[in-house]
Amino acid sequence: MSVHIAEVTVDESSRVVVDHVPFKPGDRVEVVVRSRQALPAPRADLVGSVLRYDRPFDPVAQDDWEAAL
């Protein structure tokens, strides 16, 4: 499998054009489009939010689980 990565800008008509790809006419290719904008880390807002742990080794939600006997 050959991979070609290109960074392009979406034009005014919301189109993306990738020129000079290393494939022959008629080749089937897969196109994946993703944003290059930096996204905030999913847990960035949690950094520094825990000031201390009360009983960190106690079980959590122990009564919410049913054991098959």
PDB file of N, CA and C in Angstrom:
ATOM      1  N   MET A   1       0.847  -1.175   0.000  1.00  0.00           N
ATOM      2  CA  MET A   1       0.000   0.000   0.000  1.00  0.00           C
ATOM      3  C   MET A   1       0.890   1.234   0.000  1.00  0.00           C
ATOM      4  N   SER A   2       0.571   2.166  -0.838  1.00  0.00           N
ATOM      5  CA  SER A   2       1.311   3.417  -0.932  1.00  0.00           C
ATOM      6  C   SER A   2       0.508   4.524  -0.250  1.00  0.00           C
ATOM      7  N   VAL A   3       1.189   5.403   0.471  1.00  0.00           N
ATOM      8  CA  VAL A   3       0.523   6.490   1.189  1.00  0.00           C
ATOM      9  C   VAL A   3       1.070   7.813   0.686  1.00  0.00           C
ATOM     10  N   HIS A   4       0.171   8.755   0.447  1.00  0.00           N
ATOM     11  CA  HIS A   4       0.560  10.107   0.044  1.00  0.00           C
ATOM     12  C   HIS A   4      -0.133  11.068   0.992  1.00  0.00           C
ATOM     13  N   ILE A   5       0.623  11.916   1.657  1.00  0.00           N
ATOM     14  CA  ILE A   5       0.058  12.885   2.591  1.00  0.00           C
ATOM     15  C   ILE A   5       0.263  14.278   2.013  1.00  0.00           C
ATOM     16  N   ALA A   6      -0.796  15.057   1.958  1.00  0.00           N
ATOM     17  CA  ALA A   6      -0.715  16.420   1.438  1.00  0.00           C
ATOM     18  C   ALA A   6      -1.458  17.347   2.385  1.00  0.00           C
ATOM     19  N   GLU A   7      -0.895  18.508   2.619  1.00  0.00           N
ATOM     20  CA  GLU A   7      -1.573  19.513   3.433  1.00  0.00           C
ATOM     21  C   GLU A   7      -2.069  20.600   2.491  1.00  0.00           C
ATOM     22  N   VAL A   8      -3.376  20.774   2.441  1.00  0.00           N
ATOM     23  CA  VAL A   8      -3.982  21.761   1.546  1.00  0.00           C
ATOM     24  C   VAL A   8      -4.964  22.610   2.338  1.00  0.00           C
ATOM     25  N   THR A   9      -5.457  23.672   1.704  1.00  0.00           N
ATOM     26  CA  THR A   9      -6.420  24.572   2.336  1.00  0.00           C
ATOM     27  C   THR A   9      -7.758  24.438   1.627  1.00  0.00           C
ATOM     28  N   VAL A  10      -8.830  24.419   2.387  1.00  0.00           N
ATOM     29  CA  VAL A  10     -10.177  24.365   1.818  1.00  0.00           C
ATOM     30  C   VAL A  10     -10.433  25.702   1.126  1.00  0.00           C
ATOM     31  N   ASP A  11     -10.923  25.654  -0.124  1.00  0.00           N
ATOM     32  CA  ASP A  11     -11.150  26.903  -0.859  1.00  0.00           C
ATOM     33  C   ASP A  11     -12.505  27.518  -0.512  1.00  0.00           C
ATOM     34  N   GLU A  12     -12.825  28.646  -1.155  1.00  0.00           N
ATOM     35  CA  GLU A  12     -14.046  29.401  -0.849  1.00  0.00           C
ATOM     36  C   GLU A  12     -15.320  28.610  -1.104  1.00  0.00           C
ATOM     37  N   SER A  13     -15.256  27.626  -1.994  1.00  0.00           N
ATOM     38  CA  SER A  13     -16.450  26.824  -2.301  1.00  0.00           C
ATOM     39  C   SER A  13     -16.473  25.524  -1.496  1.00  0.00           C
ATOM     40  N   SER A  14     -15.672  25.460  -0.431  1.00  0.00           N
ATOM     41  CA  SER A  14     -15.597  24.289   0.462  1.00  0.00           C
ATOM     42  C   SER A  14     -15.061  23.051  -0.246  1.00  0.00           C
ATOM     43  N   ARG A  15     -14.198  23.244  -1.240  1.00  0.00           N
ATOM     44  CA  ARG A  15     -13.594  22.120  -1.947  1.00  0.00           C
ATOM     45  C   ARG A  15     -12.144  21.953  -1.525  1.00  0.00           C
ATOM     46  N   VAL A  16     -11.680  20.727  -1.620  1.00  0.00           N
ATOM     47  CA  VAL A  16     -10.284  20.399  -1.360  1.00  0.00           C
ATOM     48  C   VAL A  16      -9.716  19.800  -2.636  1.00  0.00           C
ATOM     49  N   VAL A  17      -8.618  20.356  -3.128  1.00  0.00           N
ATOM     50  CA  VAL A  17      -7.979  19.865  -4.349  1.00  0.00           C
ATOM     51  C   VAL A  17      -6.563  19.424  -3.985  1.00  0.00           C
ATOM     52  N   VAL A  18      -6.240  18.178  -4.334  1.00  0.00           N
ATOM     53  CA  VAL A  18      -4.901  17.646  -4.104  1.00  0.00           C
ATOM     54  C   VAL A  18      -4.284  17.382  -5.465  1.00  0.00           C
ATOM     55  N   ASP A  19      -3.238  18.119  -5.776  1.00  0.00           N
ATOM     56  CA  ASP A  19      -2.565  17.989  -7.073  1.00  0.00           C
ATOM     57  C   ASP A  19      -1.350  17.080  -6.963  1.00  0.00           C
ATOM     58  N   HIS A  20      -0.940  16.545  -8.099  1.00  0.00           N
ATOM     59  CA  HIS A  20       0.315  15.804  -8.230  1.00  0.00           C
ATOM     60  C   HIS A  20       0.398  14.600  -7.286  1.00  0.00           C
ATOM     61  N   VAL A  21      -0.640  13.774  -7.292  1.00  0.00           N
ATOM     62  CA  VAL A  21      -0.608  12.562  -6.474  1.00  0.00           C
ATOM     63  C   VAL A  21       0.175  11.473  -7.200  1.00  0.00           C
ATOM     64  N   PRO A  22       0.830  10.592  -6.463  1.00  0.00           N
ATOM     65  CA  PRO A  22       1.684   9.573  -7.095  1.00  0.00           C
ATOM     66  C   PRO A  22       0.926   8.310  -7.515  1.00  0.00           C
ATOM     67  N   PHE A  23      -0.276   8.471  -8.031  1.00  0.00           N
ATOM     68  CA  PHE A  23      -1.086   7.327  -8.441  1.00  0.00           C
ATOM     69  C   PHE A  23      -1.448   7.480  -9.911  1.00  0.00           C
ATOM     70  N   LYS A  24      -1.738   6.348 -10.532  1.00  0.00           N
ATOM     71  CA  LYS A  24      -2.095   6.351 -11.949  1.00  0.00           C
ATOM     72  C   LYS A  24      -3.596   6.616 -12.106  1.00  0.00           C
ATOM     73  N   PRO A  25      -3.992   7.196 -13.229  1.00  0.00           N
ATOM     74  CA  PRO A  25      -5.424   7.342 -13.500  1.00  0.00           C
ATOM     75  C   PRO A  25      -6.106   5.977 -13.448  1.00  0.00           C
ATOM     76  N   GLY A  26      -7.234   5.906 -12.767  1.00  0.00           N
ATOM     77  CA  GLY A  26      -7.964   4.656 -12.623  1.00  0.00           C
ATOM     78  C   GLY A  26      -7.662   3.912 -11.341  1.00  0.00           C
ATOM     79  N   ASP A  27      -6.577   4.269 -10.633  1.00  0.00           N
ATOM     80  CA  ASP A  27      -6.281   3.630  -9.342  1.00  0.00           C
ATOM     81  C   ASP A  27      -7.381   3.981  -8.334  1.00  0.00           C
ATOM     82  N   ARG A  28      -7.757   3.004  -7.540  1.00  0.00           N
ATOM     83  CA  ARG A  28      -8.721   3.264  -6.470  1.00  0.00           C
ATOM     84  C   ARG A  28      -7.934   3.705  -5.243  1.00  0.00           C
ATOM     85  N   VAL A  29      -8.379   4.802  -4.617  1.00  0.00           N
ATOM     86  CA  VAL A  29      -7.697   5.344  -3.446  1.00  0.00           C
ATOM     87  C   VAL A  29      -8.718   5.624  -2.349  1.00  0.00           C
ATOM     88  N   GLU A  30      -8.231   5.690  -1.141  1.00  0.00           N
ATOM     89  CA  GLU A  30      -9.061   6.062   0.010  1.00  0.00           C
ATOM     90  C   GLU A  30      -8.677   7.477   0.408  1.00  0.00           C
ATOM     91  N   VAL A  31      -9.668   8.327   0.642  1.00  0.00           N
ATOM     92  CA  VAL A  31      -9.415   9.710   1.013  1.00  0.00           C
ATOM     93  C   VAL A  31      -9.932   9.943   2.429  1.00  0.00           C
ATOM     94  N   VAL A  32      -9.054  10.418   3.302  1.00  0.00           N
ATOM     95  CA  VAL A  32      -9.414  10.757   4.682  1.00  0.00           C
ATOM     96  C   VAL A  32      -9.092  12.223   4.871  1.00  0.00           C
ATOM     97  N   VAL A  33     -10.060  13.002   5.338  1.00  0.00           N
ATOM     98  CA  VAL A  33      -9.855  14.434   5.542  1.00  0.00           C
ATOM     99  C   VAL A  33      -9.997  14.722   7.025  1.00  0.00           C
ATOM    100  N   ARG A  34      -8.971  15.372   7.586  1.00  0.00           N
ATOM    101  CA  ARG A  34      -9.044  15.743   8.993  1.00  0.00           C
ATOM    102  C   ARG A  34      -8.463  17.131   9.164  1.00  0.00           C
ATOM    103  N   SER A  35      -8.900  17.812  10.192  1.00  0.00           N
ATOM    104  CA  SER A  35      -8.464  19.175  10.450  1.00  0.00           C
ATOM    105  C   SER A  35      -7.032  19.189  10.984  1.00  0.00           C
ATOM    106  N   ARG A  36      -6.265  20.181  10.612  1.00  0.00           N
ATOM    107  CA  ARG A  36      -4.908  20.334  11.118  1.00  0.00           C
ATOM    108  C   ARG A  36      -4.867  21.314  12.291  1.00  0.00           C
ATOM    109  N   GLN A  37      -6.013  21.842  12.681  1.00  0.00           N
ATOM    110  CA  GLN A  37      -6.052  22.770  13.811  1.00  0.00           C
ATOM    111  C   GLN A  37      -5.791  22.006  15.092  1.00  0.00           C
ATOM    112  N   ALA A  38      -5.041  22.612  15.970  1.00  0.00           N
ATOM    113  CA  ALA A  38      -4.745  21.974  17.254  1.00  0.00           C
ATOM    114  C   ALA A  38      -6.009  21.956  18.101  1.00  0.00           C
ATOM    115  N   LEU A  39      -6.376  20.784  18.554  1.00  0.00           N
ATOM    116  CA  LEU A  39      -7.537  20.651  19.426  1.00  0.00           C
ATOM    117  C   LEU A  39      -7.063  20.577  20.868  1.00  0.00           C
ATOM    118  N   PRO A  40      -7.831  21.115  21.790  1.00  0.00           N
ATOM    119  CA  PRO A  40      -7.426  21.017  23.186  1.00  0.00           C
ATOM    120  C   PRO A  40      -7.458  19.567  23.651  1.00  0.00           C
ATOM    121  N   ALA A  41      -6.574  19.244  24.540  1.00  0.00           N
ATOM    122  CA  ALA A  41      -6.558  17.887  25.087  1.00  0.00           C
ATOM    123  C   ALA A  41      -7.892  17.631  25.777  1.00  0.00           C
ATOM    124  N   PRO A  42      -8.465  16.425  25.633  1.00  0.00           N
ATOM    125  CA  PRO A  42      -9.791  16.169  26.201  1.00  0.00           C
ATOM    126  C   PRO A  42      -9.861  16.364  27.700  1.00  0.00           C
ATOM    127  N   ARG A  43      -8.759  16.188  28.382  1.00  0.00           N
ATOM    128  CA  ARG A  43      -8.784  16.323  29.839  1.00  0.00           C
ATOM    129  C   ARG A  43      -8.036  17.568  30.319  1.00  0.00           C
ATOM    130  N   ALA A  44      -7.760  18.494  29.416  1.00  0.00           N
ATOM    131  CA  ALA A  44      -6.987  19.677  29.778  1.00  0.00           C
ATOM    132  C   ALA A  44      -7.668  20.484  30.875  1.00  0.00           C
ATOM    133  N   ASP A  45      -9.005  20.525  30.847  1.00  0.00           N
ATOM    134  CA  ASP A  45      -9.709  21.305  31.867  1.00  0.00           C
ATOM    135  C   ASP A  45      -9.661  20.661  33.246  1.00  0.00           C
ATOM    136  N   LEU A  46      -9.234  19.403  33.331  1.00  0.00           N
ATOM    137  CA  LEU A  46      -9.145  18.727  34.623  1.00  0.00           C
ATOM    138  C   LEU A  46      -7.795  18.903  35.306  1.00  0.00           C
ATOM    139  N   VAL A  47      -6.814  19.383  34.584  1.00  0.00           N
ATOM    140  CA  VAL A  47      -5.474  19.531  35.145  1.00  0.00           C
ATOM    141  C   VAL A  47      -5.528  20.502  36.318  1.00  0.00           C
ATOM    142  N   GLY A  48      -5.060  20.046  37.462  1.00  0.00           N
ATOM    143  CA  GLY A  48      -5.042  20.888  38.657  1.00  0.00           C
ATOM    144  C   GLY A  48      -6.362  20.957  39.395  1.00  0.00           C
ATOM    145  N   SER A  49      -7.379  20.220  38.938  1.00  0.00           N
ATOM    146  CA  SER A  49      -8.685  20.313  39.586  1.00  0.00           C
ATOM    147  C   SER A  49      -8.795  19.444  40.837  1.00  0.00           C
ATOM    148  N   VAL A  50      -7.921  18.445  40.987  1.00  0.00           N
ATOM    149  CA  VAL A  50      -7.948  17.591  42.172  1.00  0.00           C
ATOM    150  C   VAL A  50      -6.946  18.140  43.182  1.00  0.00           C
ATOM    151  N   LEU A  51      -7.461  18.550  44.327  1.00  0.00           N
ATOM    152  CA  LEU A  51      -6.593  19.118  45.341  1.00  0.00           C
ATOM    153  C   LEU A  51      -6.057  18.055  46.285  1.00  0.00           C
ATOM    154  N   ARG A  52      -6.875  17.013  46.530  1.00  0.00           N
ATOM    155  CA  ARG A  52      -6.410  15.911  47.362  1.00  0.00           C
ATOM    156  C   ARG A  52      -7.344  14.718  47.145  1.00  0.00           C
ATOM    157  N   TYR A  53      -6.876  13.556  47.506  1.00  0.00           N
ATOM    158  CA  TYR A  53      -7.670  12.333  47.412  1.00  0.00           C
ATOM    159  C   TYR A  53      -8.057  11.904  48.819  1.00  0.00           C
ATOM    160  N   ASP A  54      -9.337  11.709  49.049  1.00  0.00           N
ATOM    161  CA  ASP A  54      -9.817  11.146  50.313  1.00  0.00           C
ATOM    162  C   ASP A  54      -9.998   9.655  50.107  1.00  0.00           C
ATOM    163  N   ARG A  55      -9.272   8.834  50.835  1.00  0.00           N
ATOM    164  CA  ARG A  55      -9.359   7.374  50.752  1.00  0.00           C
ATOM    165  C   ARG A  55      -9.237   6.897  49.289  1.00  0.00           C
ATOM    166  N   PRO A  56      -8.110   7.108  48.647  1.00  0.00           N
ATOM    167  CA  PRO A  56      -7.973   6.784  47.219  1.00  0.00           C
ATOM    168  C   PRO A  56      -8.064   5.305  46.892  1.00  0.00           C
ATOM    169  N   PHE A  57      -7.906   4.427  47.884  1.00  0.00           N
ATOM    170  CA  PHE A  57      -7.925   2.991  47.588  1.00  0.00           C
ATOM    171  C   PHE A  57      -9.243   2.329  47.966  1.00  0.00           C
ATOM    172  N   ASP A  58     -10.232   3.093  48.390  1.00  0.00           N
ATOM    173  CA  ASP A  58     -11.543   2.535  48.680  1.00  0.00           C
ATOM    174  C   ASP A  58     -12.236   2.152  47.373  1.00  0.00           C
ATOM    175  N   PRO A  59     -13.061   1.100  47.394  1.00  0.00           N
ATOM    176  CA  PRO A  59     -13.794   0.715  46.176  1.00  0.00           C
ATOM    177  C   PRO A  59     -14.800   1.801  45.775  1.00  0.00           C
ATOM    178  N   VAL A  60     -15.046   1.898  44.495  1.00  0.00           N
ATOM    179  CA  VAL A  60     -15.966   2.894  43.972  1.00  0.00           C
ATOM    180  C   VAL A  60     -17.152   2.175  43.343  1.00  0.00           C
ATOM    181  N   ALA A  61     -18.346   2.603  43.675  1.00  0.00           N
ATOM    182  CA  ALA A  61     -19.586   2.065  43.096  1.00  0.00           C
ATOM    183  C   ALA A  61     -19.670   0.552  43.249  1.00  0.00           C
ATOM    184  N   GLN A  62     -19.251   0.053  44.382  1.00  0.00           N
ATOM    185  CA  GLN A  62     -19.236  -1.394  44.620  1.00  0.00           C
ATOM    186  C   GLN A  62     -20.640  -1.988  44.565  1.00  0.00           C
ATOM    187  N   ASP A  63     -21.657  -1.258  45.001  1.00  0.00           N
ATOM    188  CA  ASP A  63     -23.035  -1.762  45.015  1.00  0.00           C
ATOM    189  C   ASP A  63     -23.694  -1.717  43.629  1.00  0.00           C
ATOM    190  N   ASP A  64     -23.037  -1.107  42.663  1.00  0.00           N
ATOM    191  CA  ASP A  64     -23.621  -1.012  41.320  1.00  0.00           C
ATOM    192  C   ASP A  64     -23.347  -2.245  40.462  1.00  0.00           C
ATOM    193  N   TRP A  65     -22.542  -3.170  40.948  1.00  0.00           N
ATOM    194  CA  TRP A  65     -22.180  -4.359  40.196  1.00  0.00           C
ATOM    195  C   TRP A  65     -22.877  -5.584  40.774  1.00  0.00           C
ATOM    196  N   GLU A  66     -23.370  -6.424  39.871  1.00  0.00           N
ATOM    197  CA  GLU A  66     -23.983  -7.677  40.294  1.00  0.00           C
ATOM    198  C   GLU A  66     -23.042  -8.811  39.944  1.00  0.00           C
ATOM    199  N   ALA A  67     -22.799  -9.664  40.898  1.00  0.00           N
ATOM    200  CA  ALA A  67     -21.925 -10.808  40.654  1.00  0.00           C
ATOM    201  C   ALA A  67     -22.772 -12.013  40.251  1.00  0.00           C
ATOM    202  N   ALA A  68     -22.339 -12.707  39.224  1.00  0.00           N
ATOM    203  CA  ALA A  68     -23.025 -13.930  38.797  1.00  0.00           C
ATOM    204  C   ALA A  68     -22.543 -15.069  39.685  1.00  0.00           C
ATOM    205  N   LEU A  69     -23.449 -15.652  40.408  1.00  0.00           N
ATOM    206  CA  LEU A  69     -23.083 -16.753  41.302  1.00  0.00           C
ATOM    207  C   LEU A  69     -23.576 -18.057  40.770  1.00  0.00           C
TER     208      LEU A  69
END
